[in-house]
């Protein structure tokens, strides 16, 4: 009886380890597979919301420092409902745009420069993020 229990315990252990080795779900991939348009460090993040003729606009205004600058020299708009990707090593996950914070390193795939909102620091270019990856 004891040998049977040990054998059963070994099978359960092996199956448990095999289950842990399997990914929890499908691996995420970035929708846009080209190189990012810019890399930067977030200096500040501010939420904006207003009513426009097309409805409610909700977005995050990121002031970013593009190297070699240490101060904000561009702005990036991220729609509040748009998922933001987070890359930690080789693992890619998503989180809400509200989680992007000052100090984060980001990669941005941008749309053409945008004049809307007060996104960029005065005199700096502003962009709408088509895809944004936080690198942690």
C-alpha atoms as a PDB file:
ATOM      1  CA  UNK A   1       0.000   0.000   0.000  1.00  0.00           C
ATOM      2  CA  UNK A   2       2.810   2.375   0.894  1.00  0.00           C
ATOM      3  CA  UNK A   3       4.528   1.859  -2.492  1.00  0.00           C
ATOM      4  CA  UNK A   4       1.245   2.625  -4.261  1.00  0.00           C
ATOM      5  CA  UNK A   5       0.901   5.928  -2.362  1.00  0.00           C
ATOM      6  CA  UNK A   6       4.485   6.921  -3.189  1.00  0.00           C
ATOM      7  CA  UNK A   7       3.917   6.117  -6.857  1.00  0.00           C
ATOM      8  CA  UNK A   8       0.671   8.077  -6.864  1.00  0.00           C
ATOM      9  CA  UNK A   9       2.362  11.004  -5.104  1.00  0.00           C
ATOM     10  CA  UNK A  10       5.121  10.980  -7.731  1.00  0.00           C
ATOM     11  CA  UNK A  11       2.585  11.022 -10.573  1.00  0.00           C
ATOM     12  CA  UNK A  12       0.703  13.919  -8.954  1.00  0.00           C
ATOM     13  CA  UNK A  13       3.983  15.833  -8.483  1.00  0.00           C
ATOM     14  CA  UNK A  14       5.049  15.298 -12.110  1.00  0.00           C
ATOM     15  CA  UNK A  15       1.629  16.326 -13.426  1.00  0.00           C
ATOM     16  CA  UNK A  16       1.631  19.381 -11.161  1.00  0.00           C
ATOM     17  CA  UNK A  17       5.071  20.453 -12.375  1.00  0.00           C
ATOM     18  CA  UNK A  18       4.051  19.903 -15.989  1.00  0.00           C
ATOM     19  CA  UNK A  19       0.943  22.024 -15.490  1.00  0.00           C
ATOM     20  CA  UNK A  20       3.020  24.849 -13.989  1.00  0.00           C
ATOM     21  CA  UNK A  21       5.403  24.770 -16.949  1.00  0.00           C
ATOM     22  CA  UNK A  22       2.552  25.415 -19.373  1.00  0.00           C
ATOM     23  CA  UNK A  23       1.751  29.050 -20.169  1.00  0.00           C
ATOM     24  CA  UNK A  24      -1.352  30.354 -18.395  1.00  0.00           C
ATOM     25  CA  UNK A  25      -2.887  31.456 -21.680  1.00  0.00           C
ATOM     26  CA  UNK A  26      -2.007  32.497 -25.183  1.00  0.00           C
ATOM     27  CA  UNK A  27       1.126  34.624 -25.471  1.00  0.00           C
ATOM     28  CA  UNK A  28       0.472  38.247 -26.312  1.00  0.00           C
ATOM     29  CA  UNK A  29       2.052  39.736 -29.389  1.00  0.00           C
ATOM     30  CA  UNK A  30       2.213  43.373 -30.357  1.00  0.00           C
ATOM     31  CA  UNK A  31      -0.306  44.314 -33.062  1.00  0.00           C
ATOM     32  CA  UNK A  32       2.295  46.548 -34.755  1.00  0.00           C
ATOM     33  CA  UNK A  33       5.471  44.585 -35.452  1.00  0.00           C
ATOM     34  CA  UNK A  34       7.675  47.379 -36.831  1.00  0.00           C
ATOM     35  CA  UNK A  35      10.364  49.191 -34.854  1.00  0.00           C
ATOM     36  CA  UNK A  36       9.025  51.890 -32.501  1.00  0.00           C
ATOM     37  CA  UNK A  37       9.081  55.495 -33.675  1.00  0.00           C
ATOM     38  CA  UNK A  38      10.557  56.743 -30.424  1.00  0.00           C
ATOM     39  CA  UNK A  39      11.745  55.705 -27.007  1.00  0.00           C
ATOM     40  CA  UNK A  40      11.476  58.037 -24.034  1.00  0.00           C
ATOM     41  CA  UNK A  41      11.159  58.390 -20.272  1.00  0.00           C
ATOM     42  CA  UNK A  42       7.841  59.636 -18.883  1.00  0.00           C
ATOM     43  CA  UNK A  43       8.262  62.909 -16.989  1.00  0.00           C
ATOM     44  CA  UNK A  44       4.587  63.391 -16.076  1.00  0.00           C
ATOM     45  CA  UNK A  45       1.152  61.931 -16.755  1.00  0.00           C
ATOM     46  CA  UNK A  46      -2.096  63.879 -16.547  1.00  0.00           C
ATOM     47  CA  UNK A  47      -5.677  62.725 -17.161  1.00  0.00           C
ATOM     48  CA  UNK A  48      -7.911  64.912 -19.334  1.00  0.00           C
ATOM     49  CA  UNK A  49     -11.604  64.572 -20.119  1.00  0.00           C
ATOM     50  CA  UNK A  50     -13.984  66.871 -21.955  1.00  0.00           C
ATOM     51  CA  UNK A  51     -17.090  66.812 -24.114  1.00  0.00           C
ATOM     52  CA  UNK A  52     -16.623  67.385 -27.826  1.00  0.00           C
ATOM     53  CA  UNK A  53     -19.085  67.397 -30.744  1.00  0.00           C
ATOM     54  CA  UNK A  54     -18.355  63.663 -31.205  1.00  0.00           C
ATOM     55  CA  UNK A  55     -18.808  62.776 -27.531  1.00  0.00           C
ATOM     56  CA  UNK A  56     -16.668  62.455 -24.432  1.00  0.00           C
ATOM     57  CA  UNK A  57     -12.909  62.518 -25.007  1.00  0.00           C
ATOM     58  CA  UNK A  58     -10.797  60.894 -22.270  1.00  0.00           C
ATOM     59  CA  UNK A  59      -7.038  60.670 -22.585  1.00  0.00           C
ATOM     60  CA  UNK A  60      -3.739  60.722 -20.745  1.00  0.00           C
ATOM     61  CA  UNK A  61      -1.280  63.439 -21.572  1.00  0.00           C
ATOM     62  CA  UNK A  62       2.290  62.222 -21.152  1.00  0.00           C
ATOM     63  CA  UNK A  63       5.168  64.638 -21.150  1.00  0.00           C
ATOM     64  CA  UNK A  64       8.253  62.670 -22.131  1.00  0.00           C
ATOM     65  CA  UNK A  65      12.003  63.184 -22.294  1.00  0.00           C
ATOM     66  CA  UNK A  66      13.555  61.811 -25.461  1.00  0.00           C
ATOM     67  CA  UNK A  67      17.307  61.228 -24.983  1.00  0.00           C
ATOM     68  CA  UNK A  68      19.637  62.961 -24.699  1.00  0.00           C
ATOM     69  CA  UNK A  69      17.276  65.382 -22.926  1.00  0.00           C
ATOM     70  CA  UNK A  70      16.531  65.016 -19.208  1.00  0.00           C
ATOM     71  CA  UNK A  71      13.519  67.341 -19.407  1.00  0.00           C
ATOM     72  CA  UNK A  72      10.207  67.048 -21.242  1.00  0.00           C
ATOM     73  CA  UNK A  73      10.748  67.699 -24.935  1.00  0.00           C
ATOM     74  CA  UNK A  74       7.665  65.996 -26.466  1.00  0.00           C
ATOM     75  CA  UNK A  75       4.106  65.044 -25.601  1.00  0.00           C
ATOM     76  CA  UNK A  76       2.297  61.762 -26.194  1.00  0.00           C
ATOM     77  CA  UNK A  77      -1.491  61.379 -26.003  1.00  0.00           C
ATOM     78  CA  UNK A  78      -2.858  57.988 -24.977  1.00  0.00           C
ATOM     79  CA  UNK A  79      -6.598  57.356 -25.194  1.00  0.00           C
ATOM     80  CA  UNK A  80      -7.883  56.362 -21.743  1.00  0.00           C
ATOM     81  CA  UNK A  81      -9.582  53.193 -23.014  1.00  0.00           C
ATOM     82  CA  UNK A  82      -6.628  52.101 -25.156  1.00  0.00           C
ATOM     83  CA  UNK A  83      -4.669  49.162 -23.699  1.00  0.00           C
ATOM     84  CA  UNK A  84      -1.028  49.785 -22.908  1.00  0.00           C
ATOM     85  CA  UNK A  85       1.451  46.939 -23.272  1.00  0.00           C
ATOM     86  CA  UNK A  86       4.011  46.222 -20.559  1.00  0.00           C
ATOM     87  CA  UNK A  87       7.186  44.291 -21.365  1.00  0.00           C
ATOM     88  CA  UNK A  88       9.068  42.771 -18.447  1.00  0.00           C
ATOM     89  CA  UNK A  89      11.928  40.686 -19.813  1.00  0.00           C
ATOM     90  CA  UNK A  90      10.290  38.487 -22.437  1.00  0.00           C
ATOM     91  CA  UNK A  91       6.800  38.633 -20.897  1.00  0.00           C
ATOM     92  CA  UNK A  92       4.244  40.939 -22.495  1.00  0.00           C
ATOM     93  CA  UNK A  93       1.067  41.921 -20.633  1.00  0.00           C
ATOM     94  CA  UNK A  94      -1.476  44.720 -20.854  1.00  0.00           C
ATOM     95  CA  UNK A  95      -2.658  47.275 -18.354  1.00  0.00           C
ATOM     96  CA  UNK A  96      -4.749  50.412 -18.314  1.00  0.00           C
ATOM     97  CA  UNK A  97      -3.276  53.674 -19.589  1.00  0.00           C
ATOM     98  CA  UNK A  98      -3.828  55.075 -16.083  1.00  0.00           C
ATOM     99  CA  UNK A  99      -0.953  52.890 -14.855  1.00  0.00           C
ATOM    100  CA  UNK A 100       1.701  54.704 -16.927  1.00  0.00           C
ATOM    101  CA  UNK A 101       3.633  56.863 -14.473  1.00  0.00           C
ATOM    102  CA  UNK A 102       6.507  59.316 -14.255  1.00  0.00           C
ATOM    103  CA  UNK A 103       9.803  57.462 -14.471  1.00  0.00           C
ATOM    104  CA  UNK A 104       8.516  54.720 -16.812  1.00  0.00           C
ATOM    105  CA  UNK A 105      10.546  53.966 -19.931  1.00  0.00           C
ATOM    106  CA  UNK A 106       8.269  53.743 -22.959  1.00  0.00           C
ATOM    107  CA  UNK A 107       8.384  52.793 -26.617  1.00  0.00           C
ATOM    108  CA  UNK A 108       5.905  54.610 -28.844  1.00  0.00           C
ATOM    109  CA  UNK A 109       4.489  53.854 -32.257  1.00  0.00           C
ATOM    110  CA  UNK A 110       3.028  57.218 -33.123  1.00  0.00           C
ATOM    111  CA  UNK A 111       0.534  58.659 -35.466  1.00  0.00           C
ATOM    112  CA  UNK A 112       1.363  61.872 -37.276  1.00  0.00           C
ATOM    113  CA  UNK A 113       1.969  64.837 -34.975  1.00  0.00           C
ATOM    114  CA  UNK A 114      -1.245  66.083 -33.409  1.00  0.00           C
ATOM    115  CA  UNK A 115      -2.101  69.653 -32.498  1.00  0.00           C
ATOM    116  CA  UNK A 116      -5.118  68.702 -30.332  1.00  0.00           C
ATOM    117  CA  UNK A 117      -5.178  69.086 -26.583  1.00  0.00           C
ATOM    118  CA  UNK A 118      -2.384  70.614 -24.575  1.00  0.00           C
ATOM    119  CA  UNK A 119      -0.234  67.519 -24.805  1.00  0.00           C
ATOM    120  CA  UNK A 120       3.217  68.740 -25.673  1.00  0.00           C
ATOM    121  CA  UNK A 121       5.294  70.987 -23.489  1.00  0.00           C
ATOM    122  CA  UNK A 122       5.319  74.516 -24.971  1.00  0.00           C
ATOM    123  CA  UNK A 123       7.186  74.539 -28.281  1.00  0.00           C
ATOM    124  CA  UNK A 124       7.590  70.730 -28.373  1.00  0.00           C
ATOM    125  CA  UNK A 125       5.989  68.222 -30.771  1.00  0.00           C
ATOM    126  CA  UNK A 126       2.932  66.234 -29.736  1.00  0.00           C
ATOM    127  CA  UNK A 127       2.016  62.726 -30.894  1.00  0.00           C
ATOM    128  CA  UNK A 128      -0.925  60.352 -30.572  1.00  0.00           C
ATOM    129  CA  UNK A 129       0.218  56.897 -29.465  1.00  0.00           C
ATOM    130  CA  UNK A 130      -0.977  54.201 -31.838  1.00  0.00           C
ATOM    131  CA  UNK A 131       0.787  51.599 -29.701  1.00  0.00           C
ATOM    132  CA  UNK A 132       2.639  52.134 -26.426  1.00  0.00           C
ATOM    133  CA  UNK A 133       4.887  49.698 -24.570  1.00  0.00           C
ATOM    134  CA  UNK A 134       6.130  50.335 -21.034  1.00  0.00           C
ATOM    135  CA  UNK A 135       9.483  48.607 -20.471  1.00  0.00           C
ATOM    136  CA  UNK A 136       9.948  47.469 -16.868  1.00  0.00           C
END
